[in-house]
């Protein structure tokens, strides 16, 4: 898949954290983001691993799965919000199934992920200048 110059320029050199527990989905997301020029942090499969990474690194944005090995990713969303890091919630859950305040304003991208939808969501979240 190829991306427009705007998408490639937007993600070029941007550090994007991928928090996803499904190995197939995480590889797909990693490949998609890397092909658009992003530097991928992770992917990390658990809340604990994501929080540990955030203690030492600050991404420009994150892709966050809601359910990580049976644990909701709410603490990760809260840590991202505290650090002013925007995130996209990439999930199979519908908006009506998500009631945590940390996700109230989140951009939701449904699984299975369509590259064009994810890229549009990231364009809305990330400023045009790094």
N, C-alpha and C. Protein backbone atom coordinates (compact mmCIF):
# COMPACT_ATOMS: atom_id res chain seq x y z
N UNK A 1 0.84 -1.18 0.00
CA UNK A 1 0.00 0.00 0.00
C UNK A 1 0.88 1.24 0.00
N UNK A 2 0.49 2.21 -0.75
CA UNK A 2 1.21 3.47 -0.80
C UNK A 2 0.36 4.55 -0.16
N UNK A 3 1.03 5.59 0.28
CA UNK A 3 0.34 6.68 0.95
C UNK A 3 0.61 7.97 0.22
N UNK A 4 -0.30 8.90 0.41
CA UNK A 4 -0.11 10.21 -0.21
C UNK A 4 1.08 10.90 0.44
N UNK A 5 1.60 11.90 -0.24
CA UNK A 5 2.71 12.67 0.31
C UNK A 5 2.34 13.30 1.63
N UNK A 6 1.10 13.73 1.78
CA UNK A 6 0.66 14.37 3.03
C UNK A 6 0.75 13.39 4.19
N UNK A 7 0.31 12.14 3.97
CA UNK A 7 0.37 11.14 5.04
C UNK A 7 1.81 10.79 5.36
N UNK A 8 2.62 10.59 4.33
CA UNK A 8 4.01 10.25 4.56
C UNK A 8 4.72 11.38 5.28
N UNK A 9 4.49 12.62 4.86
CA UNK A 9 5.11 13.76 5.54
C UNK A 9 4.63 13.88 6.98
N UNK A 10 3.36 13.62 7.21
CA UNK A 10 2.79 13.71 8.55
C UNK A 10 3.46 12.72 9.49
N UNK A 11 3.66 11.49 9.04
CA UNK A 11 4.19 10.44 9.92
C UNK A 11 5.71 10.31 9.86
N UNK A 12 6.36 10.94 8.90
CA UNK A 12 7.80 10.80 8.76
C UNK A 12 8.53 11.21 10.04
N UNK A 13 9.21 10.24 10.62
CA UNK A 13 9.97 10.49 11.84
C UNK A 13 9.14 10.58 13.11
N UNK A 14 7.82 10.52 12.99
CA UNK A 14 6.97 10.58 14.18
C UNK A 14 7.07 9.26 14.94
N UNK A 15 7.14 9.38 16.25
CA UNK A 15 7.24 8.21 17.12
C UNK A 15 5.83 7.82 17.56
N UNK A 16 5.38 6.66 17.10
CA UNK A 16 4.04 6.20 17.41
C UNK A 16 4.10 4.91 18.23
N UNK A 17 3.48 4.94 19.38
CA UNK A 17 3.42 3.78 20.25
C UNK A 17 2.26 2.89 19.82
N UNK A 18 2.51 1.61 19.67
CA UNK A 18 1.47 0.64 19.36
C UNK A 18 1.28 -0.25 20.58
N UNK A 19 0.06 -0.22 21.14
CA UNK A 19 -0.28 -1.05 22.29
C UNK A 19 -1.37 -2.02 21.82
N UNK A 20 -0.96 -3.24 21.56
CA UNK A 20 -1.85 -4.25 20.97
C UNK A 20 -1.39 -5.63 21.40
N UNK A 21 -2.31 -6.48 21.86
CA UNK A 21 -1.93 -7.80 22.33
C UNK A 21 -2.03 -8.90 21.27
N UNK A 22 -2.72 -8.67 20.19
CA UNK A 22 -2.82 -9.67 19.14
C UNK A 22 -1.59 -9.54 18.24
N UNK A 23 -0.78 -10.60 18.17
CA UNK A 23 0.47 -10.48 17.41
C UNK A 23 0.26 -10.20 15.92
N UNK A 24 -0.78 -10.72 15.32
CA UNK A 24 -1.03 -10.48 13.90
C UNK A 24 -1.43 -9.03 13.65
N UNK A 25 -2.30 -8.51 14.49
CA UNK A 25 -2.73 -7.12 14.34
C UNK A 25 -1.57 -6.18 14.63
N UNK A 26 -0.77 -6.48 15.65
CA UNK A 26 0.34 -5.59 15.99
C UNK A 26 1.37 -5.53 14.87
N UNK A 27 1.63 -6.65 14.22
CA UNK A 27 2.57 -6.66 13.08
C UNK A 27 1.98 -5.86 11.92
N UNK A 28 0.70 -6.04 11.66
CA UNK A 28 0.06 -5.27 10.58
C UNK A 28 0.13 -3.77 10.85
N UNK A 29 -0.17 -3.36 12.09
CA UNK A 29 -0.11 -1.94 12.44
C UNK A 29 1.32 -1.42 12.32
N UNK A 30 2.26 -2.20 12.82
CA UNK A 30 3.67 -1.81 12.76
C UNK A 30 4.10 -1.62 11.30
N UNK A 31 3.76 -2.55 10.44
CA UNK A 31 4.13 -2.46 9.03
C UNK A 31 3.47 -1.25 8.36
N UNK A 32 2.20 -1.05 8.64
CA UNK A 32 1.46 0.07 8.06
C UNK A 32 2.09 1.40 8.45
N UNK A 33 2.36 1.57 9.74
CA UNK A 33 2.93 2.83 10.22
C UNK A 33 4.35 3.05 9.70
N UNK A 34 5.14 2.00 9.71
CA UNK A 34 6.52 2.11 9.22
C UNK A 34 6.54 2.46 7.73
N UNK A 35 5.61 1.88 6.96
CA UNK A 35 5.58 2.18 5.53
C UNK A 35 5.16 3.62 5.26
N UNK A 36 4.53 4.26 6.24
CA UNK A 36 4.16 5.67 6.12
C UNK A 36 5.22 6.58 6.74
N UNK A 37 6.35 6.00 7.14
CA UNK A 37 7.47 6.80 7.63
C UNK A 37 7.56 6.95 9.13
N UNK A 38 6.66 6.34 9.88
CA UNK A 38 6.68 6.47 11.34
C UNK A 38 7.77 5.61 11.97
N UNK A 39 8.22 6.02 13.13
CA UNK A 39 9.08 5.22 13.98
C UNK A 39 8.15 4.56 15.00
N UNK A 40 8.08 3.23 14.95
CA UNK A 40 7.14 2.52 15.79
C UNK A 40 7.80 2.13 17.12
N UNK A 41 7.15 2.53 18.20
CA UNK A 41 7.56 2.11 19.54
C UNK A 41 6.71 0.91 19.92
N UNK A 42 7.36 -0.16 20.30
CA UNK A 42 6.62 -1.39 20.57
C UNK A 42 6.64 -2.24 19.32
N UNK A 43 5.57 -2.95 19.11
CA UNK A 43 4.34 -2.97 19.86
C UNK A 43 4.50 -3.63 21.24
N UNK A 44 3.68 -3.17 22.16
CA UNK A 44 3.66 -3.75 23.50
C UNK A 44 2.28 -4.38 23.73
N UNK A 45 2.25 -5.57 24.39
CA UNK A 45 1.00 -6.31 24.49
C UNK A 45 0.23 -6.18 25.81
N UNK A 46 0.78 -5.46 26.77
CA UNK A 46 0.13 -5.39 28.08
C UNK A 46 0.12 -3.97 28.62
N UNK A 47 -0.77 -3.74 29.56
CA UNK A 47 -0.83 -2.44 30.24
C UNK A 47 0.50 -2.17 30.93
N UNK A 48 1.01 -3.15 31.63
CA UNK A 48 2.27 -2.99 32.37
C UNK A 48 3.42 -2.60 31.44
N UNK A 49 3.53 -3.27 30.30
CA UNK A 49 4.61 -2.98 29.35
C UNK A 49 4.45 -1.58 28.75
N UNK A 50 3.22 -1.20 28.48
CA UNK A 50 2.97 0.13 27.92
C UNK A 50 3.35 1.22 28.93
N UNK A 51 2.95 1.04 30.17
CA UNK A 51 3.28 2.03 31.19
C UNK A 51 4.78 2.11 31.43
N UNK A 52 5.45 0.98 31.39
CA UNK A 52 6.91 0.97 31.55
C UNK A 52 7.58 1.74 30.41
N UNK A 53 7.11 1.53 29.19
CA UNK A 53 7.68 2.24 28.04
C UNK A 53 7.45 3.74 28.17
N UNK A 54 6.26 4.13 28.64
CA UNK A 54 5.94 5.55 28.77
C UNK A 54 6.76 6.24 29.86
N UNK A 55 7.32 5.47 30.78
CA UNK A 55 8.20 6.06 31.80
C UNK A 55 9.51 6.54 31.21
N UNK A 56 9.92 5.94 30.09
CA UNK A 56 11.22 6.26 29.51
C UNK A 56 11.14 6.93 28.14
N UNK A 57 9.97 6.95 27.54
CA UNK A 57 9.85 7.45 26.18
C UNK A 57 8.52 8.20 26.03
N UNK A 58 8.53 9.26 25.22
CA UNK A 58 7.30 10.01 24.96
C UNK A 58 7.02 10.01 23.47
N UNK A 59 6.02 9.23 23.06
CA UNK A 59 5.68 9.21 21.64
C UNK A 59 4.93 10.47 21.22
N UNK A 60 4.86 10.69 19.92
CA UNK A 60 4.05 11.78 19.39
C UNK A 60 2.56 11.43 19.47
N UNK A 61 2.25 10.13 19.34
CA UNK A 61 0.88 9.65 19.41
C UNK A 61 0.93 8.15 19.69
N UNK A 62 -0.25 7.57 19.96
CA UNK A 62 -0.32 6.14 20.25
C UNK A 62 -1.55 5.52 19.61
N UNK A 63 -1.43 4.23 19.33
CA UNK A 63 -2.55 3.40 18.92
C UNK A 63 -2.79 2.45 20.06
N UNK A 64 -3.98 2.46 20.60
CA UNK A 64 -4.26 1.76 21.85
C UNK A 64 -5.44 0.81 21.69
N UNK A 65 -5.20 -0.48 21.93
CA UNK A 65 -6.27 -1.46 21.96
C UNK A 65 -6.97 -1.35 23.31
N UNK A 66 -8.27 -1.56 23.35
CA UNK A 66 -9.02 -1.43 24.59
C UNK A 66 -8.79 -2.60 25.53
N UNK A 67 -8.80 -3.81 25.00
CA UNK A 67 -8.69 -5.00 25.82
C UNK A 67 -7.33 -5.66 25.57
N UNK A 68 -6.50 -5.65 26.60
CA UNK A 68 -5.16 -6.22 26.49
C UNK A 68 -5.07 -7.43 27.41
N UNK A 69 -5.19 -8.59 26.82
CA UNK A 69 -5.11 -9.85 27.58
C UNK A 69 -6.08 -9.85 28.76
N UNK A 70 -7.29 -9.39 28.51
CA UNK A 70 -8.34 -9.40 29.52
C UNK A 70 -8.34 -8.20 30.45
N UNK A 71 -7.42 -7.27 30.25
CA UNK A 71 -7.33 -6.07 31.08
C UNK A 71 -7.62 -4.84 30.23
N UNK A 72 -8.48 -3.97 30.72
CA UNK A 72 -8.78 -2.74 29.99
C UNK A 72 -7.54 -1.84 30.01
N UNK A 73 -7.32 -1.12 28.94
CA UNK A 73 -6.13 -0.27 28.80
C UNK A 73 -6.33 1.13 29.38
N UNK A 74 -7.30 1.30 30.23
CA UNK A 74 -7.61 2.60 30.83
C UNK A 74 -6.39 3.26 31.47
N UNK A 75 -5.56 2.54 32.26
CA UNK A 75 -4.39 3.21 32.85
C UNK A 75 -3.42 3.78 31.80
N UNK A 76 -3.32 3.13 30.66
CA UNK A 76 -2.45 3.62 29.59
C UNK A 76 -3.05 4.89 29.00
N UNK A 77 -4.35 4.89 28.76
CA UNK A 77 -5.02 6.08 28.24
C UNK A 77 -4.84 7.26 29.20
N UNK A 78 -4.98 7.00 30.47
CA UNK A 78 -4.81 8.07 31.47
C UNK A 78 -3.39 8.60 31.49
N UNK A 79 -2.40 7.70 31.36
CA UNK A 79 -1.00 8.13 31.32
C UNK A 79 -0.72 8.95 30.05
N UNK A 80 -1.28 8.53 28.94
CA UNK A 80 -1.12 9.28 27.70
C UNK A 80 -1.74 10.67 27.82
N UNK A 81 -2.92 10.74 28.39
CA UNK A 81 -3.59 12.04 28.58
C UNK A 81 -2.78 12.94 29.51
N UNK A 82 -2.24 12.38 30.58
CA UNK A 82 -1.44 13.17 31.52
C UNK A 82 -0.19 13.74 30.86
N UNK A 83 0.33 13.01 29.86
CA UNK A 83 1.53 13.46 29.13
C UNK A 83 1.17 14.25 27.88
N UNK A 84 -0.11 14.52 27.68
CA UNK A 84 -0.61 15.25 26.50
C UNK A 84 -0.23 14.56 25.19
N UNK A 85 -0.30 13.22 25.19
CA UNK A 85 -0.03 12.43 23.99
C UNK A 85 -1.37 11.97 23.43
N UNK A 86 -1.70 12.38 22.22
CA UNK A 86 -2.97 11.95 21.63
C UNK A 86 -2.92 10.46 21.27
N UNK A 87 -4.10 9.84 21.29
CA UNK A 87 -4.14 8.43 20.92
C UNK A 87 -5.41 8.11 20.15
N UNK A 88 -5.29 7.04 19.37
CA UNK A 88 -6.42 6.47 18.65
C UNK A 88 -6.73 5.15 19.34
N UNK A 89 -7.98 4.94 19.66
CA UNK A 89 -8.43 3.68 20.24
C UNK A 89 -8.76 2.74 19.10
N UNK A 90 -7.98 1.67 18.96
CA UNK A 90 -8.16 0.69 17.90
C UNK A 90 -8.78 -0.54 18.56
N UNK A 91 -10.07 -0.78 18.27
CA UNK A 91 -10.77 -1.79 19.04
C UNK A 91 -11.89 -2.46 18.26
N UNK A 92 -12.28 -3.62 18.73
CA UNK A 92 -13.44 -4.31 18.20
C UNK A 92 -14.70 -3.97 18.96
N UNK A 93 -14.57 -3.19 20.04
CA UNK A 93 -15.72 -2.78 20.84
C UNK A 93 -16.43 -1.61 20.16
N UNK A 94 -17.72 -1.55 20.36
CA UNK A 94 -18.48 -0.40 19.86
C UNK A 94 -18.42 0.72 20.90
N UNK A 95 -18.71 1.92 20.47
CA UNK A 95 -18.68 3.08 21.37
C UNK A 95 -19.60 2.88 22.57
N UNK A 96 -20.71 2.19 22.39
CA UNK A 96 -21.65 1.97 23.49
C UNK A 96 -21.10 1.02 24.55
N UNK A 97 -20.06 0.27 24.22
CA UNK A 97 -19.44 -0.65 25.17
C UNK A 97 -18.27 -0.03 25.92
N UNK A 98 -17.99 1.23 25.64
CA UNK A 98 -16.83 1.91 26.22
C UNK A 98 -17.35 3.05 27.09
N UNK A 99 -17.23 2.88 28.41
CA UNK A 99 -17.81 3.89 29.30
C UNK A 99 -16.79 4.59 30.20
N UNK A 100 -15.52 4.25 30.08
CA UNK A 100 -14.51 4.88 30.91
C UNK A 100 -14.31 6.34 30.50
N UNK A 101 -14.21 7.24 31.47
CA UNK A 101 -13.99 8.66 31.16
C UNK A 101 -12.73 8.91 30.33
N UNK A 102 -11.70 8.09 30.50
CA UNK A 102 -10.45 8.28 29.75
C UNK A 102 -10.65 8.12 28.24
N UNK A 103 -11.73 7.44 27.85
CA UNK A 103 -11.99 7.21 26.43
C UNK A 103 -13.12 8.07 25.89
N UNK A 104 -13.66 8.93 26.70
CA UNK A 104 -14.84 9.72 26.32
C UNK A 104 -14.61 10.52 25.03
N UNK A 105 -13.45 11.12 24.89
CA UNK A 105 -13.15 11.96 23.71
C UNK A 105 -12.27 11.25 22.70
N UNK A 106 -12.03 9.97 22.89
CA UNK A 106 -11.09 9.24 22.03
C UNK A 106 -11.62 9.07 20.62
N UNK A 107 -10.70 9.14 19.67
CA UNK A 107 -11.00 8.77 18.30
C UNK A 107 -10.98 7.25 18.26
N UNK A 108 -12.04 6.65 17.74
CA UNK A 108 -12.14 5.19 17.68
C UNK A 108 -12.00 4.73 16.25
N UNK A 109 -11.09 3.76 16.04
CA UNK A 109 -10.94 3.09 14.75
C UNK A 109 -11.30 1.63 14.99
N UNK A 110 -12.29 1.16 14.27
CA UNK A 110 -12.80 -0.20 14.47
C UNK A 110 -11.90 -1.24 13.83
N UNK A 111 -11.85 -2.39 14.49
CA UNK A 111 -11.19 -3.56 13.90
C UNK A 111 -12.24 -4.31 13.11
N UNK A 112 -11.88 -4.92 11.99
CA UNK A 112 -10.55 -4.89 11.39
C UNK A 112 -10.21 -3.49 10.86
N UNK A 113 -8.96 -3.13 11.04
CA UNK A 113 -8.49 -1.78 10.72
C UNK A 113 -8.35 -1.61 9.21
N UNK A 114 -8.93 -0.53 8.71
CA UNK A 114 -8.71 -0.12 7.33
C UNK A 114 -7.66 0.98 7.35
N UNK A 115 -6.62 0.80 6.56
CA UNK A 115 -5.49 1.73 6.55
C UNK A 115 -5.93 3.17 6.32
N UNK A 116 -6.82 3.38 5.37
CA UNK A 116 -7.24 4.74 5.04
C UNK A 116 -7.93 5.41 6.23
N UNK A 117 -8.73 4.69 6.97
CA UNK A 117 -9.43 5.25 8.13
C UNK A 117 -8.44 5.58 9.24
N UNK A 118 -7.49 4.67 9.48
CA UNK A 118 -6.49 4.91 10.51
C UNK A 118 -5.64 6.13 10.16
N UNK A 119 -5.23 6.25 8.91
CA UNK A 119 -4.40 7.38 8.51
C UNK A 119 -5.15 8.70 8.64
N UNK A 120 -6.43 8.71 8.29
CA UNK A 120 -7.23 9.94 8.48
C UNK A 120 -7.33 10.30 9.95
N UNK A 121 -7.50 9.30 10.81
CA UNK A 121 -7.58 9.56 12.25
C UNK A 121 -6.27 10.15 12.76
N UNK A 122 -5.15 9.62 12.31
CA UNK A 122 -3.85 10.14 12.74
C UNK A 122 -3.63 11.56 12.20
N UNK A 123 -4.08 11.83 10.98
CA UNK A 123 -3.95 13.18 10.43
C UNK A 123 -4.71 14.20 11.28
N UNK A 124 -5.87 13.80 11.80
CA UNK A 124 -6.65 14.71 12.65
C UNK A 124 -5.98 14.92 14.00
N UNK A 125 -5.27 13.93 14.50
CA UNK A 125 -4.66 14.02 15.83
C UNK A 125 -3.34 14.75 15.86
N UNK A 126 -2.55 14.57 14.83
CA UNK A 126 -1.18 15.09 14.83
C UNK A 126 -1.11 16.46 14.17
N UNK A 127 -0.39 17.37 14.78
CA UNK A 127 -0.18 18.67 14.13
C UNK A 127 0.67 18.47 12.87
N UNK A 128 0.55 19.41 11.95
CA UNK A 128 1.26 19.27 10.68
C UNK A 128 2.76 19.51 10.81
N UNK A 129 3.19 20.24 11.81
CA UNK A 129 4.62 20.44 12.02
C UNK A 129 5.05 19.66 13.25
N UNK A 130 6.23 19.05 13.18
CA UNK A 130 6.68 18.27 14.33
C UNK A 130 7.43 19.11 15.34
